[in-house]
Amino acid sequence: MDFITEALRQNPHWETTKVEFPRLSGPLVERQAYGELEASWRTKFITVLRGLRRTGKSVLARQLMKTVAERDPKKVAWFEFDRAMNATPEDLDSLIRFFQGRGAKTVILDEVAFVSHWQDILKRHYDRSDLKFVVTGSSAIELDQRTSESLAGRFQTIRVSPFTLKEKLAQKGKPFTGSALDEANRAEDFFLEAEEYIKSGGLPEIATAQQEARAGYINGTLLGPLFYKDLPAVFPEANPDMLSKTLEVLSGTVASTYQLQPIAEALGCSHPTAGTNVALLEKALLVRTAVNFTPSKAKQRRTAKKIVFADNGILTALRPDAGLGVLAENAALNVLGANYFWRSPLAEVDIVLPSAKVAAEVKYQEHITSSDERNLRYYLERRKGWRGCLVTKKDIDLSADIPRIPLWKILLQPELIAKP
């Protein structure tokens, strides 16, 4: 392949001064991660956009390209790789030299993980020039593992997650302004949008698709390539069918705790193999593990854990019958970035946020009673200085000693739960 000719084709902004977004679905959304990307661009470090397939990494990179091109289109260069190009490290080296010779100062390499040993090439140019590199790749595993080894001390990682509810509203042309008046006037609409969001998730390209179409897209465009191409390329011992089955089994444990032994029995494999499969799914950024909040790290490793799916759309694609309570808890754990719950023989609390000293229970139901506060009160009585919160469906009481905050408000303003 003639990579220089392809580079000229992929950079029409050098002549037109305009940056296009060929695969953009809906309006261009100013995402929270873009602020991080622009700040990172101002540093020397190689910026790595990391995240699941189809979360909008390429669109974010093109947004940065547009920002730079508006100042001077010659200063930014773009190249998107794909597997069929069979690009070699020598091809990548030649491309970078070509871009540098044309006066580019920012080089954006989309899907760079399709080039073997790309880290070594970027490391050499990083050390010998003032070029700024921004790279993306659908194989987050490959980016993580090899980048941390080869580019130690030379890169910054920005996590690109699925759309938040706020970003999804912006995509639909119904932005949330954050004002009290906007919230009061549109409370019912926000509730309905949040309920749809916890069912459909936040993958940008299918934000408004129906359930059947979403499931087909997720299985065919995200999970299939991840299990059968990305993971085996980095971990040759990975069994795609077993990983797929592991994820399906884990989907049935969401909002409850799990132990590896029953997972292994359901898979028909050994305990260590089940643990390896779960770890690979975490490396692939499909799920993460929340642990019991105890002073003992050893006890955290021993006791039951919770699986949190990275996106509710993936969860409902595997488990279409998941109840709203299950989906609400998974969404709350994600938007709050919670890594802990709490469980004792007498009580359990869904979410624990140690840095804010807040414990929360998700009660996504029509009516809330004092009995729904029982576990929280049990926990708070034993921890001085902590506060509690009930995450509800619609009930709201911000002045109570245990405030009740609807999930839709937390999805739009997660900082509410940490406010004193």
Protein backbone atom coordinates (compact mmCIF):
# COMPACT_ATOMS: atom_id res chain seq x y z
CA MET A 1 0.00 0.00 0.00
CA ASP A 2 1.17 3.53 -0.77
CA PHE A 3 0.87 5.06 2.70
CA ILE A 4 1.97 8.53 1.64
CA THR A 5 -0.79 8.74 -0.97
CA GLU A 6 -3.25 7.47 1.62
CA ALA A 7 -2.02 10.11 4.08
CA LEU A 8 -2.70 12.83 1.52
CA ARG A 9 -6.20 11.41 0.99
CA GLN A 10 -6.90 11.34 4.74
CA ASN A 11 -5.81 14.95 5.30
CA PRO A 12 -7.96 17.06 2.93
CA HIS A 13 -7.99 19.84 5.54
CA TRP A 14 -4.47 20.76 4.38
CA GLU A 15 -6.15 22.13 1.26
CA THR A 16 -9.77 22.79 2.29
CA THR A 17 -8.98 24.00 5.85
CA LYS A 18 -12.12 22.12 7.01
CA VAL A 19 -12.23 18.98 9.19
CA GLU A 20 -15.11 16.60 8.45
CA PHE A 21 -16.68 13.98 10.74
CA PRO A 22 -17.61 11.17 8.32
CA ARG A 23 -18.94 8.67 10.87
CA LEU A 24 -20.62 11.07 13.27
CA SER A 25 -24.07 9.94 14.39
CA GLY A 26 -26.17 12.99 15.30
CA PRO A 27 -24.83 16.41 16.33
CA LEU A 28 -21.29 16.89 17.59
CA VAL A 29 -21.40 16.65 21.38
CA GLU A 30 -18.90 18.51 23.56
CA ARG A 31 -17.93 15.66 25.84
CA GLN A 32 -16.50 15.81 29.33
CA ALA A 33 -13.43 13.91 28.15
CA TYR A 34 -12.69 16.59 25.56
CA GLY A 35 -11.56 19.04 28.22
CA GLU A 36 -9.08 16.44 29.45
CA LEU A 37 -7.92 15.80 25.88
CA GLU A 38 -7.34 19.46 25.12
CA ALA A 39 -5.42 19.93 28.37
CA SER A 40 -3.28 16.88 27.59
CA TRP A 41 -2.63 18.17 24.07
CA ARG A 42 -0.85 21.16 25.60
CA THR A 43 1.73 18.84 27.18
CA LYS A 44 4.61 16.97 25.58
CA PHE A 45 3.30 13.58 26.70
CA ILE A 46 1.87 11.10 24.19
CA THR A 47 -1.90 11.17 24.76
CA VAL A 48 -3.60 7.77 24.71
CA LEU A 49 -7.39 7.67 24.31
CA ARG A 50 -8.45 4.47 26.02
CA GLY A 51 -11.88 2.88 26.11
CA LEU A 52 -14.27 0.29 24.78
CA ARG A 53 -14.90 -0.06 21.09
CA ARG A 54 -17.53 2.36 19.75
CA THR A 55 -17.37 4.85 22.62
CA GLY A 56 -16.39 7.78 20.41
CA LYS A 57 -12.59 7.90 20.69
CA SER A 58 -12.13 8.72 17.00
CA VAL A 59 -14.72 11.52 17.11
CA LEU A 60 -12.95 13.03 20.13
CA ALA A 61 -9.63 12.87 18.30
CA ARG A 62 -11.17 14.59 15.27
CA GLN A 63 -12.58 17.29 17.53
CA LEU A 64 -9.03 18.04 18.65
CA MET A 65 -7.91 17.95 15.02
CA LYS A 66 -10.59 20.53 14.19
CA THR A 67 -9.46 22.79 17.05
CA VAL A 68 -5.83 22.69 15.90
CA ALA A 69 -6.72 23.06 12.22
CA GLU A 70 -8.74 26.20 12.91
CA ARG A 71 -5.47 27.85 13.98
CA ASP A 72 -3.27 26.38 11.27
CA PRO A 73 -4.42 23.35 9.20
CA LYS A 74 -0.83 22.50 8.26
CA LYS A 75 0.11 21.93 11.90
CA VAL A 76 -2.02 18.81 12.43
CA ALA A 77 -1.86 15.45 10.65
CA TRP A 78 -4.23 12.50 10.86
CA PHE A 79 -3.92 8.86 9.90
CA GLU A 80 -6.45 6.09 10.48
CA PHE A 81 -5.16 2.54 10.30
CA ASP A 82 -7.17 -0.60 9.74
CA ARG A 83 -6.29 -4.27 9.93
CA ALA A 84 -6.36 -4.78 6.16
CA MET A 85 -3.57 -2.24 5.62
CA ASN A 86 -1.01 -4.59 7.19
CA ALA A 87 1.06 -1.56 8.17
CA THR A 88 4.56 -2.28 9.43
CA PRO A 89 6.63 -0.32 11.95
CA GLU A 90 8.65 0.96 8.98
CA ASP A 91 5.44 2.30 7.38
CA LEU A 92 4.56 4.14 10.57
CA ASP A 93 8.05 5.58 10.80
CA SER A 94 7.84 6.82 7.20
CA LEU A 95 4.44 8.40 7.81
CA ILE A 96 5.66 10.31 10.86
CA ARG A 97 8.69 11.57 8.94
CA PHE A 98 6.38 12.63 6.09
CA PHE A 99 4.11 14.52 8.48
CA GLN A 100 7.07 16.17 10.16
CA GLY A 101 8.50 17.20 6.79
CA ARG A 102 5.20 18.92 5.94
CA GLY A 103 5.41 20.99 9.13
CA ALA A 104 2.94 19.09 11.33
CA LYS A 105 3.36 19.59 15.05
CA THR A 106 0.44 17.37 16.19
CA VAL A 107 0.13 13.84 14.79
CA ILE A 108 -3.07 11.92 15.50
CA LEU A 109 -2.93 8.17 14.88
CA ASP A 110 -6.31 6.45 14.95
CA GLU A 111 -6.40 2.68 15.57
CA VAL A 112 -2.63 2.70 15.95
CA ALA A 113 -2.68 -0.71 17.64
CA PHE A 114 -3.02 -2.29 14.18
CA VAL A 115 0.70 -1.50 13.73
CA SER A 116 2.99 -3.89 15.58
CA HIS A 117 5.57 -2.29 17.88
CA TRP A 118 4.06 1.16 17.32
CA GLN A 119 5.21 2.12 20.81
CA ASP A 120 8.87 1.75 19.86
CA ILE A 121 8.44 4.02 16.83
CA LEU A 122 6.62 6.72 18.81
CA LYS A 123 9.15 6.50 21.64
CA ARG A 124 12.00 7.23 19.24
CA HIS A 125 10.23 10.23 17.67
CA TYR A 126 9.08 11.47 21.08
CA ASP A 127 12.64 11.48 22.37
CA ARG A 128 14.13 13.11 19.27
CA SER A 129 11.54 15.70 18.22
CA ASP A 130 8.95 18.16 19.51
CA LEU A 131 6.04 16.31 17.87
CA LYS A 132 2.86 15.89 19.90
CA PHE A 133 1.22 12.47 19.46
CA VAL A 134 -2.39 11.55 20.14
CA VAL A 135 -3.26 7.88 19.64
CA THR A 136 -6.43 5.82 19.84
CA GLY A 137 -7.13 2.14 19.51
CA SER A 138 -10.11 -0.16 19.84
CA SER A 139 -7.99 -2.77 21.59
CA ALA A 140 -7.69 -1.13 24.98
CA ILE A 141 -5.92 -4.23 26.26
CA GLU A 142 -3.09 -3.89 23.77
CA LEU A 143 -2.76 -0.17 24.38
CA ASP A 144 -2.61 -0.67 28.14
CA GLN A 145 -0.22 -3.58 28.30
CA ARG A 146 2.37 -2.53 25.77
CA THR A 147 2.15 1.20 26.33
CA SER A 148 2.83 0.92 30.04
CA GLU A 149 5.95 -1.12 29.30
CA SER A 150 7.40 0.70 26.29
CA LEU A 151 6.35 4.29 26.94
CA ALA A 152 6.84 4.51 30.69
CA GLY A 153 6.99 8.14 31.75
CA ARG A 154 6.09 9.40 28.27
CA PHE A 155 2.31 9.12 28.05
CA GLN A 156 -0.98 10.20 29.61
CA THR A 157 -4.14 8.11 29.40
CA ILE A 158 -7.64 9.52 29.00
CA ARG A 159 -10.52 7.16 29.63
CA VAL A 160 -13.34 7.49 27.08
CA SER A 161 -16.53 6.05 28.53
CA PRO A 162 -19.98 5.64 26.96
CA PHE A 163 -22.17 8.73 26.93
CA THR A 164 -23.42 10.06 30.23
CA LEU A 165 -27.11 10.96 30.41
CA LYS A 166 -26.12 14.61 30.03
CA GLU A 167 -24.17 13.85 26.86
CA LYS A 168 -26.97 11.70 25.51
CA LEU A 169 -29.46 14.54 26.02
CA ALA A 170 -27.11 16.87 24.12
CA GLN A 171 -26.89 14.34 21.27
CA LYS A 172 -30.70 14.27 21.10
CA GLY A 173 -30.83 18.06 20.92
CA LYS A 174 -32.26 18.41 24.43
CA PRO A 175 -29.29 19.69 26.47
CA PHE A 176 -29.44 20.02 30.23
CA THR A 177 -28.37 23.54 31.21
CA GLY A 178 -27.86 22.83 34.89
CA SER A 179 -30.12 25.67 35.99
CA ALA A 180 -32.73 25.17 38.69
CA LEU A 181 -35.41 26.55 36.36
CA ASP A 182 -34.53 24.09 33.60
CA GLU A 183 -34.63 21.25 36.12
CA ALA A 184 -37.99 22.31 37.52
CA ASN A 185 -39.60 22.74 34.10
CA ARG A 186 -38.32 19.47 32.68
CA ALA A 187 -38.26 17.14 35.70
CA GLU A 188 -40.71 14.64 34.18
CA ASP A 189 -38.88 14.64 30.85
CA PHE A 190 -35.56 14.08 32.62
CA PHE A 191 -37.08 11.19 34.55
CA LEU A 192 -38.33 9.54 31.34
CA GLU A 193 -35.01 10.11 29.58
CA ALA A 194 -33.14 8.61 32.55
CA GLU A 195 -35.38 5.56 32.57
CA GLU A 196 -34.69 5.03 28.88
CA TYR A 197 -30.98 5.62 29.47
CA ILE A 198 -30.67 2.94 32.14
CA LYS A 199 -32.17 0.47 29.66
CA SER A 200 -30.28 1.50 26.53
CA GLY A 201 -26.90 2.67 27.86
CA GLY A 202 -24.67 5.30 26.33
CA LEU A 203 -22.88 3.91 23.28
CA PRO A 204 -22.98 6.97 20.97
CA GLU A 205 -23.85 5.31 17.66
CA ILE A 206 -26.95 3.56 19.01
CA ALA A 207 -28.11 6.05 21.61
CA THR A 208 -31.60 6.18 20.10
CA ALA A 209 -31.90 2.66 18.63
CA GLN A 210 -34.50 0.11 19.66
CA GLN A 211 -33.60 -2.83 21.92
CA GLU A 212 -33.32 -5.46 19.17
CA ALA A 213 -31.13 -3.22 17.02
CA ARG A 214 -28.96 -2.33 20.02
CA ALA A 215 -28.42 -5.97 20.93
CA GLY A 216 -27.45 -6.85 17.37
CA TYR A 217 -25.04 -3.93 17.15
CA ILE A 218 -23.42 -4.69 20.52
CA ASN A 219 -22.95 -8.38 19.76
CA GLY A 220 -21.79 -7.88 16.18
CA THR A 221 -19.77 -4.67 16.35
CA LEU A 222 -18.42 -4.60 19.90
CA LEU A 223 -18.37 -8.01 21.58
CA GLY A 224 -17.66 -10.18 18.53
CA PRO A 225 -14.52 -8.32 17.38
CA LEU A 226 -13.33 -7.95 20.97
CA PHE A 227 -13.63 -11.66 21.79
CA TYR A 228 -12.51 -13.08 18.45
CA LYS A 229 -9.89 -10.53 17.31
CA ASP A 230 -8.65 -8.10 19.96
CA LEU A 231 -8.28 -10.35 22.98
CA PRO A 232 -6.73 -13.37 21.19
CA ALA A 233 -4.24 -11.03 19.48
CA VAL A 234 -2.87 -10.00 22.87
CA PHE A 235 -3.64 -13.13 24.91
CA PRO A 236 -3.27 -16.15 22.59
CA GLU A 237 -4.54 -18.45 25.33
CA ALA A 238 -7.88 -16.59 25.49
CA ASN A 239 -10.89 -18.73 24.55
CA PRO A 240 -13.41 -16.45 22.79
CA ASP A 241 -16.39 -18.75 23.38
CA MET A 242 -15.54 -19.13 27.06
CA LEU A 243 -15.11 -15.38 27.49
CA SER A 244 -18.48 -14.77 25.86
CA LYS A 245 -20.11 -17.30 28.14
CA THR A 246 -18.36 -15.82 31.20
CA LEU A 247 -19.75 -12.37 30.40
CA GLU A 248 -23.22 -13.84 29.96
CA VAL A 249 -23.01 -15.62 33.32
CA LEU A 250 -21.75 -12.45 35.02
CA SER A 251 -24.70 -10.49 33.63
CA GLY A 252 -26.94 -12.63 35.83
CA THR A 253 -25.08 -11.57 38.98
CA VAL A 254 -25.41 -7.77 38.60
CA ALA A 255 -26.79 -6.04 41.71
CA SER A 256 -25.92 -9.08 43.80
CA THR A 257 -22.63 -10.55 44.96
CA TYR A 258 -20.81 -13.39 43.29
CA GLN A 259 -18.16 -15.97 44.12
CA LEU A 260 -15.81 -17.50 41.56
CA GLN A 261 -16.64 -21.11 42.43
CA PRO A 262 -20.29 -20.96 41.26
CA ILE A 263 -19.10 -19.07 38.15
CA ALA A 264 -16.61 -21.87 37.45
CA GLU A 265 -19.32 -24.50 37.91
CA ALA A 266 -21.65 -22.68 35.52
CA LEU A 267 -18.85 -22.50 32.94
CA GLY A 268 -17.67 -26.08 33.48
CA CYS A 269 -14.11 -24.96 34.15
CA SER A 270 -11.67 -24.69 37.04
CA HIS A 271 -11.72 -21.93 39.65
CA PRO A 272 -8.43 -20.39 38.34
CA THR A 273 -9.72 -20.43 34.75
CA ALA A 274 -12.90 -18.63 35.79
CA GLY A 275 -10.78 -16.03 37.60
CA THR A 276 -8.61 -15.54 34.52
CA ASN A 277 -11.68 -15.05 32.34
CA VAL A 278 -13.11 -12.41 34.67
CA ALA A 279 -9.74 -10.65 34.76
CA LEU A 280 -9.59 -10.57 30.95
CA LEU A 281 -13.08 -9.08 30.77
CA GLU A 282 -11.90 -6.38 33.17
CA LYS A 283 -8.82 -5.69 31.03
CA ALA A 284 -11.17 -5.38 28.06
CA LEU A 285 -13.05 -2.67 30.04
CA LEU A 286 -16.36 -4.53 29.73
CA VAL A 287 -16.78 -4.97 33.47
CA ARG A 288 -15.12 -4.02 36.73
CA THR A 289 -15.26 -5.45 40.22
CA ALA A 290 -16.59 -3.68 43.31
CA VAL A 291 -15.39 -5.09 46.62
CA ASN A 292 -16.66 -5.17 50.18
CA PHE A 293 -15.48 -2.07 52.07
CA THR A 294 -13.52 -3.48 54.98
CA PRO A 295 -10.27 -2.38 56.67
CA SER A 296 -8.65 -5.68 55.67
CA LYS A 297 -7.45 -5.92 52.07
CA ALA A 298 -7.11 -9.67 52.51
CA LYS A 299 -10.76 -9.91 53.52
CA GLN A 300 -11.76 -7.83 50.49
CA ARG A 301 -10.07 -10.38 48.25
CA ARG A 302 -11.67 -13.32 50.07
CA THR A 303 -15.26 -12.16 50.39
CA ALA A 304 -17.96 -11.93 47.73
CA LYS A 305 -17.65 -9.22 45.10
CA LYS A 306 -19.97 -7.37 42.74
CA ILE A 307 -19.66 -7.09 38.98
CA VAL A 308 -20.38 -3.70 37.43
CA PHE A 309 -21.00 -3.57 33.67
CA ALA A 310 -19.35 -0.64 31.89
CA ASP A 311 -22.55 0.17 30.05
CA ASN A 312 -26.18 -0.75 30.64
CA GLY A 313 -26.70 -1.28 26.92
CA ILE A 314 -24.22 -4.17 27.01
CA LEU A 315 -25.94 -5.55 30.10
CA THR A 316 -29.42 -5.48 28.53
CA ALA A 317 -28.10 -6.99 25.28
CA LEU A 318 -27.07 -10.04 27.32
CA ARG A 319 -29.87 -9.91 29.86
CA PRO A 320 -32.95 -8.35 28.22
CA ASP A 321 -35.15 -9.31 31.17
CA ALA A 322 -33.05 -7.37 33.72
CA GLY A 323 -35.33 -5.45 36.09
CA LEU A 324 -35.22 -1.70 36.50
CA GLY A 325 -33.83 -2.09 40.02
CA VAL A 326 -30.83 -4.02 38.69
CA LEU A 327 -30.25 -1.52 35.89
CA ALA A 328 -30.61 1.44 38.25
CA GLU A 329 -27.99 0.08 40.64
CA ASN A 330 -25.51 -0.61 37.83
CA ALA A 331 -26.06 2.89 36.42
CA ALA A 332 -25.59 4.48 39.85
CA LEU A 333 -22.36 2.57 40.51
CA ASN A 334 -21.04 3.75 37.14
CA VAL A 335 -21.96 7.41 37.33
CA LEU A 336 -20.51 7.65 40.85
CA GLY A 337 -17.40 5.68 39.96
CA ALA A 338 -18.05 3.51 43.03
CA ASN A 339 -15.62 0.68 43.73
CA TYR A 340 -17.08 -0.40 47.07
CA PHE A 341 -20.23 -1.74 48.66
CA TRP A 342 -20.60 -3.01 52.22
CA ARG A 343 -21.89 -6.30 53.48
CA SER A 344 -22.09 -7.92 56.90
CA PRO A 345 -24.10 -10.90 58.18
CA LEU A 346 -26.81 -8.44 59.27
CA ALA A 347 -26.98 -5.75 56.57
CA GLU A 348 -25.80 -4.64 53.15
CA VAL A 349 -25.30 -1.22 51.56
CA ASP A 350 -25.16 -0.87 47.77
CA ILE A 351 -22.61 1.93 47.38
CA VAL A 352 -19.80 3.18 49.60
CA LEU A 353 -17.77 6.27 48.67
CA PRO A 354 -14.88 6.44 51.18
CA SER A 355 -13.40 9.71 49.92
CA ALA A 356 -16.71 11.54 50.48
CA LYS A 357 -17.69 9.42 53.50
CA VAL A 358 -21.05 8.70 51.89
CA ALA A 359 -23.01 5.44 51.87
CA ALA A 360 -25.97 5.02 49.49
CA GLU A 361 -28.76 2.56 48.89
CA VAL A 362 -30.51 2.32 45.51
CA LYS A 363 -34.26 1.97 45.97
CA TYR A 364 -35.69 2.33 42.47
CA GLN A 365 -39.32 1.75 43.35
CA GLU A 366 -42.64 3.60 43.47
CA HIS A 367 -42.82 4.16 47.22
CA ILE A 368 -40.14 4.61 49.88
CA THR A 369 -40.75 3.77 53.53
CA SER A 370 -38.65 4.04 56.67
CA SER A 371 -37.80 0.34 56.40
CA ASP A 372 -35.84 1.13 53.22
CA GLU A 373 -33.43 3.14 55.36
CA ARG A 374 -32.75 0.32 57.83
CA ASN A 375 -29.47 -0.94 56.32
CA LEU A 376 -28.12 2.56 55.89
CA ARG A 377 -28.90 3.49 59.48
CA TYR A 378 -27.23 0.31 60.70
CA TYR A 379 -24.10 1.26 58.74
CA LEU A 380 -24.10 4.95 59.76
CA GLU A 381 -24.55 4.19 63.45
CA ARG A 382 -21.19 2.42 63.34
CA ARG A 383 -19.27 5.10 61.41
CA LYS A 384 -18.90 8.55 62.87
CA GLY A 385 -18.83 11.40 60.37
CA TRP A 386 -20.44 9.45 57.52
CA ARG A 387 -23.59 10.48 55.67
CA GLY A 388 -26.24 8.42 53.95
CA CYS A 389 -28.34 8.82 50.81
CA LEU A 390 -31.26 6.95 49.26
CA VAL A 391 -31.15 6.88 45.46
CA THR A 392 -34.81 6.72 44.50
CA LYS A 393 -37.05 6.53 41.46
CA LYS A 394 -38.97 9.76 42.04
CA ASP A 395 -39.05 10.44 45.79
CA ILE A 396 -37.10 13.55 46.74
CA ASP A 397 -36.33 15.02 50.15
CA LEU A 398 -33.02 16.86 50.33
CA SER A 399 -33.57 18.09 53.88
CA ALA A 400 -33.98 14.70 55.59
CA ASP A 401 -31.16 13.31 57.72
CA ILE A 402 -30.89 10.63 55.03
CA PRO A 403 -31.66 12.60 51.83
CA ARG A 404 -33.71 11.01 49.07
CA ILE A 405 -32.45 11.91 45.61
CA PRO A 406 -33.97 10.56 42.37
CA LEU A 407 -31.60 8.64 40.13
CA TRP A 408 -32.21 11.01 37.21
CA LYS A 409 -30.81 13.93 39.24
CA ILE A 410 -27.71 11.93 40.15
CA LEU A 411 -27.19 10.83 36.54
CA LEU A 412 -27.23 14.50 35.51
CA GLN A 413 -25.34 15.85 38.54
CA PRO A 414 -23.39 13.07 40.29
CA GLU A 415 -21.75 15.63 42.55
CA LEU A 416 -25.07 16.00 44.40
CA ILE A 417 -24.53 12.79 46.32
CA ALA A 418 -21.23 13.99 47.78
CA LYS A 419 -22.48 17.39 48.91
CA PRO A 420 -22.79 17.85 52.69
